[in-house]
């Protein structure tokens, strides 16, 4: 999944402009798209950036929980986030955020309700997590193997050479050209035969392709960014053996030409699929340092893939094993034509 030429700066991609007391402008970047649609986690990061600016004067900059629904697909270009104050409290404030695109105006109310598109809706809770205090108790889960970090790699080797004894970088195939969002990340996956792959699950290490730190602001983007071949890790082991193309270096695979042909066919089939998120929930467990971190450990599991929709549970930890965030998704599996087909011009705007 490595990007040779990362072209997005997260600082620029999450820039927010205040239009009035409850309305904020964001510009969704084409470099954060899967096909023609900005990544849902990236779009959610933009919305939470607006919420953070909205509550800055109350010193509640941190998102504790967020629930996102994606009733319409977004498009690169300008959007407005309109915020409704559900409850403004001393310790915890609740907001409703709505991201609009299409037929935007250059003055209040900034949208034309009958013609603009309500693309994403969120219910969020915000606080100051550095001042949050209360009862702390260890849980039974924390004693389980699943609660521990995957084997910690030689991070310097991964960053410089793309692999170590147990981990290797996933590479984005040429057939995944329209999946620009994936080029913003480097995903390091278990090597075949390393005995660390768990059935129906993927443990991976993640860093940005640009080398810039991962900050709290981009956690929703992290939680919704996955390797091109994620599905091959989530399925049952016997099915994975059929989906995984043979390695060109495997003597059991016949000749390297047939192995490359099988891999190309698998990549082409995967590139024809789109996994749009329907719902995403995010809970912050701990704050990253203000300056951000270079690495995060991400674990992904799915309980069931059925009838064209599936669940994902995402656990995000720092390199010391501290639990940073939990996320749960419901997503669909549809043809990529649903992503790239025409739907008018949702990004048309006067802003």
Protein backbone atom coordinates (compact mmCIF):
# COMPACT_ATOMS: atom_id res chain seq x y z
CA UNK A 1 0.00 0.00 0.00
CA UNK A 2 2.98 2.29 0.05
CA UNK A 3 2.59 5.60 -1.73
CA UNK A 4 5.65 6.62 -3.68
CA UNK A 5 4.35 10.16 -4.11
CA UNK A 6 2.04 11.09 -1.23
CA UNK A 7 0.30 14.31 -2.22
CA UNK A 8 -1.93 15.18 0.71
CA UNK A 9 -1.06 17.14 3.82
CA UNK A 10 -3.45 16.26 6.62
CA UNK A 11 -3.12 19.78 8.02
CA UNK A 12 -4.43 21.18 4.72
CA UNK A 13 -6.93 18.37 4.16
CA UNK A 14 -8.64 19.06 7.51
CA UNK A 15 -8.67 22.86 7.25
CA UNK A 16 -11.91 24.41 8.54
CA UNK A 17 -13.24 27.93 7.97
CA UNK A 18 -15.91 29.41 10.24
CA UNK A 19 -18.79 30.97 8.28
CA UNK A 20 -21.06 31.90 11.18
CA UNK A 21 -21.74 30.80 14.77
CA UNK A 22 -22.93 27.31 13.75
CA UNK A 23 -21.73 26.85 10.16
CA UNK A 24 -18.28 25.82 8.96
CA UNK A 25 -16.76 25.25 5.54
CA UNK A 26 -14.49 22.32 4.67
CA UNK A 27 -12.97 21.31 1.34
CA UNK A 28 -12.92 17.57 0.70
CA UNK A 29 -9.74 16.63 -1.12
CA UNK A 30 -9.60 14.44 -4.21
CA UNK A 31 -6.42 12.84 -2.85
CA UNK A 32 -8.53 11.33 -0.05
CA UNK A 33 -11.00 9.59 -2.38
CA UNK A 34 -11.83 5.98 -3.04
CA UNK A 35 -12.88 6.22 -6.67
CA UNK A 36 -14.95 9.39 -6.93
CA UNK A 37 -15.98 9.48 -3.25
CA UNK A 38 -13.93 10.88 -0.35
CA UNK A 39 -13.12 8.26 2.28
CA UNK A 40 -15.84 8.26 4.94
CA UNK A 41 -13.39 8.40 7.83
CA UNK A 42 -11.59 11.34 6.24
CA UNK A 43 -14.89 13.18 5.80
CA UNK A 44 -15.73 12.43 9.43
CA UNK A 45 -12.36 13.85 10.50
CA UNK A 46 -13.26 17.08 8.71
CA UNK A 47 -16.59 17.24 10.53
CA UNK A 48 -14.97 16.68 13.93
CA UNK A 49 -12.44 19.41 13.12
CA UNK A 50 -15.42 21.75 12.70
CA UNK A 51 -16.88 20.54 16.01
CA UNK A 52 -13.57 21.15 17.77
CA UNK A 53 -13.45 24.71 16.45
CA UNK A 54 -17.08 25.20 17.48
CA UNK A 55 -16.36 24.23 21.10
CA UNK A 56 -12.89 25.75 21.38
CA UNK A 57 -14.14 28.66 23.49
CA UNK A 58 -15.63 26.17 25.97
CA UNK A 59 -12.32 24.26 26.22
CA UNK A 60 -13.93 21.03 25.06
CA UNK A 61 -11.74 20.24 22.05
CA UNK A 62 -11.82 16.44 22.27
CA UNK A 63 -14.31 13.97 20.80
CA UNK A 64 -15.33 11.33 23.34
CA UNK A 65 -17.85 9.52 21.11
CA UNK A 66 -19.12 9.98 17.57
CA UNK A 67 -21.80 8.22 15.54
CA UNK A 68 -21.76 8.82 11.77
CA UNK A 69 -24.35 7.91 9.14
CA UNK A 70 -23.71 8.31 5.41
CA UNK A 71 -27.08 8.63 3.63
CA UNK A 72 -25.57 10.10 0.45
CA UNK A 73 -22.18 9.85 -1.14
CA UNK A 74 -19.92 12.87 -0.95
CA UNK A 75 -17.69 14.36 -3.66
CA UNK A 76 -14.38 16.22 -3.60
CA UNK A 77 -14.91 19.93 -3.28
CA UNK A 78 -16.50 22.42 -0.88
CA UNK A 79 -18.95 21.38 1.79
CA UNK A 80 -20.56 23.03 4.78
CA UNK A 81 -20.97 21.53 8.24
CA UNK A 82 -23.99 22.87 10.11
CA UNK A 83 -23.94 22.28 13.86
CA UNK A 84 -26.88 22.04 16.22
CA UNK A 85 -26.18 22.33 19.94
CA UNK A 86 -28.04 19.42 21.51
CA UNK A 87 -26.65 20.07 25.00
CA UNK A 88 -23.86 22.39 26.07
CA UNK A 89 -22.59 21.19 29.44
CA UNK A 90 -19.81 22.03 31.85
CA UNK A 91 -17.98 18.72 31.33
CA UNK A 92 -19.66 17.16 28.30
CA UNK A 93 -21.38 18.75 25.29
CA UNK A 94 -23.50 16.98 22.69
CA UNK A 95 -23.80 18.13 19.07
CA UNK A 96 -25.51 17.14 15.87
CA UNK A 97 -23.40 17.73 12.77
CA UNK A 98 -24.70 17.69 9.21
CA UNK A 99 -22.42 17.88 6.18
CA UNK A 100 -24.06 19.39 3.08
CA UNK A 101 -22.90 19.53 -0.53
CA UNK A 102 -24.39 20.75 -3.80
CA UNK A 103 -26.01 24.11 -4.53
CA UNK A 104 -24.20 25.88 -1.71
CA UNK A 105 -24.54 29.65 -1.44
CA UNK A 106 -22.08 32.41 -0.51
CA UNK A 107 -24.21 33.77 2.33
CA UNK A 108 -26.44 32.49 5.10
CA UNK A 109 -28.15 30.05 5.24
CA UNK A 110 -25.29 28.71 3.01
CA UNK A 111 -27.43 25.87 1.58
CA UNK A 112 -30.66 25.48 -0.40
CA UNK A 113 -32.46 22.78 1.60
CA UNK A 114 -34.59 21.63 -1.33
CA UNK A 115 -31.57 21.25 -3.63
CA UNK A 116 -28.46 20.76 -1.47
CA UNK A 117 -27.53 17.22 -0.46
CA UNK A 118 -27.40 16.09 3.17
CA UNK A 119 -24.44 13.71 2.81
CA UNK A 120 -23.31 12.82 6.35
CA UNK A 121 -25.05 13.13 9.72
CA UNK A 122 -23.32 12.75 13.07
CA UNK A 123 -24.18 12.77 16.77
CA UNK A 124 -21.13 13.54 18.89
CA UNK A 125 -20.04 14.09 22.50
CA UNK A 126 -17.14 16.38 23.33
CA UNK A 127 -15.10 17.10 26.41
CA UNK A 128 -11.56 17.85 27.60
CA UNK A 129 -10.08 14.37 27.93
CA UNK A 130 -6.92 15.67 29.62
CA UNK A 131 -9.09 16.85 32.52
CA UNK A 132 -11.47 13.87 32.54
CA UNK A 133 -11.22 12.01 35.86
CA UNK A 134 -13.10 9.29 37.71
CA UNK A 135 -13.09 5.63 38.68
CA UNK A 136 -10.58 3.37 36.90
CA UNK A 137 -10.84 -0.44 37.16
CA UNK A 138 -9.08 -3.21 35.23
CA UNK A 139 -11.43 -5.38 33.14
CA UNK A 140 -11.35 -9.07 32.37
CA UNK A 141 -10.83 -8.28 28.70
CA UNK A 142 -7.47 -6.73 29.51
CA UNK A 143 -6.16 -10.15 30.58
CA UNK A 144 -7.04 -11.76 27.24
CA UNK A 145 -4.59 -12.37 24.41
CA UNK A 146 -6.73 -10.24 22.08
CA UNK A 147 -6.17 -7.25 24.35
CA UNK A 148 -2.40 -7.33 23.85
CA UNK A 149 -0.36 -5.77 21.09
CA UNK A 150 0.57 -7.85 18.07
CA UNK A 151 4.31 -8.60 17.93
CA UNK A 152 6.15 -5.29 17.86
CA UNK A 153 8.20 -5.04 14.66
CA UNK A 154 11.53 -3.44 13.98
CA UNK A 155 9.86 -0.12 13.22
CA UNK A 156 12.99 1.45 11.77
CA UNK A 157 13.33 -1.47 9.36
CA UNK A 158 9.68 -1.18 8.32
CA UNK A 159 10.00 2.55 7.69
CA UNK A 160 13.24 2.25 5.70
CA UNK A 161 13.02 -1.13 3.98
CA UNK A 162 9.33 -2.04 4.18
CA UNK A 163 9.78 -5.30 6.08
CA UNK A 164 11.39 -7.22 8.92
CA UNK A 165 11.29 -10.89 9.92
CA UNK A 166 7.54 -10.93 10.61
CA UNK A 167 5.99 -7.95 8.83
CA UNK A 168 5.95 -6.61 5.30
CA UNK A 169 4.43 -3.64 3.59
CA UNK A 170 1.38 -4.21 1.44
CA UNK A 171 1.69 -2.74 -2.04
CA UNK A 172 -1.16 -1.16 -3.92
CA UNK A 173 -1.55 -2.86 -7.32
CA UNK A 174 -1.80 -0.86 -10.54
CA UNK A 175 -5.45 -1.90 -10.88
CA UNK A 176 -6.27 0.14 -7.75
CA UNK A 177 -5.52 3.44 -9.51
CA UNK A 178 -8.71 5.25 -8.39
CA UNK A 179 -8.18 4.37 -4.71
CA UNK A 180 -6.14 7.49 -4.00
CA UNK A 181 -6.98 7.52 -0.31
CA UNK A 182 -4.97 4.34 0.28
CA UNK A 183 -1.86 6.06 -1.03
CA UNK A 184 -1.89 8.33 2.03
CA UNK A 185 -1.08 5.38 4.31
CA UNK A 186 1.50 2.63 4.67
CA UNK A 187 0.06 -0.65 5.92
CA UNK A 188 2.39 -3.32 7.31
CA UNK A 189 0.84 -6.78 7.34
CA UNK A 190 1.86 -10.19 8.74
CA UNK A 191 4.14 -12.13 6.44
CA UNK A 192 2.79 -15.39 5.09
CA UNK A 193 3.98 -18.22 7.30
CA UNK A 194 4.81 -15.96 10.25
CA UNK A 195 2.26 -17.78 12.45
CA UNK A 196 0.73 -14.52 13.64
CA UNK A 197 -2.33 -14.37 11.39
CA UNK A 198 -5.57 -15.02 13.29
CA UNK A 199 -8.60 -16.46 11.47
CA UNK A 200 -11.02 -13.72 10.45
CA UNK A 201 -8.80 -10.94 11.74
CA UNK A 202 -6.00 -8.64 10.66
CA UNK A 203 -3.36 -7.10 12.89
CA UNK A 204 -1.36 -4.39 11.17
CA UNK A 205 0.96 -1.47 11.84
CA UNK A 206 0.13 1.85 10.20
CA UNK A 207 1.98 5.08 9.48
CA UNK A 208 1.40 7.97 7.10
CA UNK A 209 2.92 7.82 3.62
CA UNK A 210 4.15 11.41 3.94
CA UNK A 211 5.92 10.73 7.22
CA UNK A 212 3.92 13.38 9.07
CA UNK A 213 2.73 12.38 12.56
CA UNK A 214 -0.65 10.80 13.17
CA UNK A 215 -2.62 13.16 15.40
CA UNK A 216 -5.90 12.88 17.28
CA UNK A 217 -7.63 14.81 14.49
CA UNK A 218 -7.14 12.01 11.94
CA UNK A 219 -8.23 9.06 14.10
CA UNK A 220 -11.55 8.69 12.21
CA UNK A 221 -9.53 8.51 8.98
CA UNK A 222 -7.27 5.85 10.53
CA UNK A 223 -10.33 3.89 11.68
CA UNK A 224 -11.73 3.78 8.14
CA UNK A 225 -8.53 3.08 6.17
CA UNK A 226 -7.71 -0.51 5.30
CA UNK A 227 -5.39 -2.44 3.00
CA UNK A 228 -6.54 -3.19 -0.52
CA UNK A 229 -6.71 -6.91 0.30
CA UNK A 230 -8.41 -6.63 3.72
CA UNK A 231 -11.15 -9.07 2.71
CA UNK A 232 -8.64 -11.91 2.29
CA UNK A 233 -7.75 -11.66 5.99
CA UNK A 234 -11.36 -11.49 7.22
CA UNK A 235 -12.71 -14.59 5.49
CA UNK A 236 -12.46 -18.14 6.81
CA UNK A 237 -9.01 -19.78 6.36
CA UNK A 238 -10.24 -22.30 3.78
CA UNK A 239 -11.72 -19.50 1.65
CA UNK A 240 -8.64 -17.34 2.09
CA UNK A 241 -6.55 -20.11 0.52
CA UNK A 242 -8.72 -19.79 -2.60
CA UNK A 243 -8.74 -15.98 -2.65
CA UNK A 244 -5.03 -15.52 -2.01
CA UNK A 245 -3.15 -15.73 -5.34
CA UNK A 246 -0.04 -17.95 -5.32
CA UNK A 247 3.31 -16.31 -4.76
CA UNK A 248 5.62 -16.07 -7.75
CA UNK A 249 8.41 -17.27 -5.44
CA UNK A 250 6.51 -20.30 -4.15
CA UNK A 251 7.81 -23.50 -5.80
CA UNK A 252 4.40 -25.08 -5.24
CA UNK A 253 2.69 -22.44 -7.34
CA UNK A 254 3.98 -23.65 -10.69
CA UNK A 255 5.74 -21.00 -12.73
CA UNK A 256 6.02 -17.32 -11.85
CA UNK A 257 4.09 -16.29 -14.98
CA UNK A 258 0.95 -18.16 -13.90
CA UNK A 259 1.31 -16.80 -10.35
CA UNK A 260 1.49 -13.24 -11.65
CA UNK A 261 -1.53 -13.85 -13.87
CA UNK A 262 -3.53 -15.18 -10.91
CA UNK A 263 -2.53 -12.20 -8.78
CA UNK A 264 -3.52 -9.78 -11.56
CA UNK A 265 -6.92 -11.44 -11.89
CA UNK A 266 -7.53 -11.23 -8.12
CA UNK A 267 -6.52 -7.56 -8.09
CA UNK A 268 -8.81 -6.77 -11.01
CA UNK A 269 -11.75 -8.42 -9.27
CA UNK A 270 -11.05 -6.53 -6.03
CA UNK A 271 -10.71 -3.22 -7.91
CA UNK A 272 -14.24 -3.75 -9.23
CA UNK A 273 -15.67 -3.71 -5.70
CA UNK A 274 -16.50 -0.76 -3.44
CA UNK A 275 -17.02 -1.07 0.32
CA UNK A 276 -19.03 2.05 1.27
CA UNK A 277 -19.56 2.68 4.99
CA UNK A 278 -23.18 2.95 6.12
CA UNK A 279 -22.54 3.60 9.81
CA UNK A 280 -19.38 4.27 11.81
CA UNK A 281 -19.08 4.62 15.58
CA UNK A 282 -15.94 5.91 17.27
CA UNK A 283 -14.99 6.09 20.94
CA UNK A 284 -11.82 7.74 22.17
CA UNK A 285 -10.11 5.88 24.99
CA UNK A 286 -6.91 7.91 25.36
CA UNK A 287 -5.32 11.00 23.88
CA UNK A 288 -2.35 10.87 21.55
CA UNK A 289 0.45 13.34 22.32
CA UNK A 290 -0.15 16.82 20.98
CA UNK A 291 2.67 16.35 18.48
CA UNK A 292 1.22 13.05 17.27
CA UNK A 293 2.85 9.64 16.82
CA UNK A 294 4.64 7.90 13.98
CA UNK A 295 2.97 4.49 14.39
CA UNK A 296 -0.33 2.95 15.40
CA UNK A 297 -1.23 -0.72 15.81
CA UNK A 298 -4.64 -1.50 14.31
CA UNK A 299 -6.63 -4.73 14.73
CA UNK A 300 -9.62 -5.43 12.48
CA UNK A 301 -12.18 -8.23 12.77
CA UNK A 302 -15.50 -9.06 11.12
CA UNK A 303 -18.15 -11.28 12.69
CA UNK A 304 -20.13 -11.88 9.49
CA UNK A 305 -20.05 -11.02 5.78
CA UNK A 306 -23.46 -11.80 4.34
CA UNK A 307 -25.84 -10.65 1.60
CA UNK A 308 -23.59 -7.79 0.53
CA UNK A 309 -23.07 -6.16 3.92
CA UNK A 310 -20.65 -6.75 6.79
CA UNK A 311 -19.47 -5.49 10.17
CA UNK A 312 -16.00 -4.36 11.19
CA UNK A 313 -14.59 -3.95 14.68
CA UNK A 314 -11.48 -1.78 14.79
CA UNK A 315 -9.14 -1.46 17.78
CA UNK A 316 -6.44 1.22 17.66
CA UNK A 317 -3.43 1.17 20.02
CA UNK A 318 -0.19 3.10 20.21
CA UNK A 319 3.16 1.32 19.98
CA UNK A 320 3.27 0.88 23.77
CA UNK A 321 -0.06 -0.96 23.76
CA UNK A 322 -2.16 1.90 25.15
CA UNK A 323 -5.75 1.63 23.91
CA UNK A 324 -6.41 4.80 21.89
CA UNK A 325 -9.77 4.25 20.19
CA UNK A 326 -12.49 1.73 19.39
CA UNK A 327 -14.59 1.80 16.25
CA UNK A 328 -17.41 -0.25 14.80
CA UNK A 329 -18.63 -0.11 11.19
CA UNK A 330 -21.42 -1.44 9.05
CA UNK A 331 -20.49 -1.43 5.37
CA UNK A 332 -21.73 -2.74 2.04
CA UNK A 333 -20.09 -4.55 -0.85
CA UNK A 334 -21.20 -3.11 -4.19
CA UNK A 335 -19.84 -2.69 -7.70
CA UNK A 336 -17.42 0.20 -8.19
CA UNK A 337 -19.83 1.58 -10.81
CA UNK A 338 -22.01 2.68 -7.88
CA UNK A 339 -19.11 4.87 -6.77
CA UNK A 340 -18.13 6.39 -10.09
CA UNK A 341 -21.55 6.70 -11.75
CA UNK A 342 -22.94 10.16 -12.38
CA UNK A 343 -25.19 11.80 -9.81
CA UNK A 344 -25.27 15.36 -11.04
CA UNK A 345 -22.72 17.79 -9.59
CA UNK A 346 -22.90 17.59 -5.80
CA UNK A 347 -19.85 19.80 -5.37
CA UNK A 348 -21.28 22.72 -7.36
CA UNK A 349 -21.12 25.70 -5.02
CA UNK A 350 -20.91 29.47 -4.77
CA UNK A 351 -18.73 29.40 -1.66
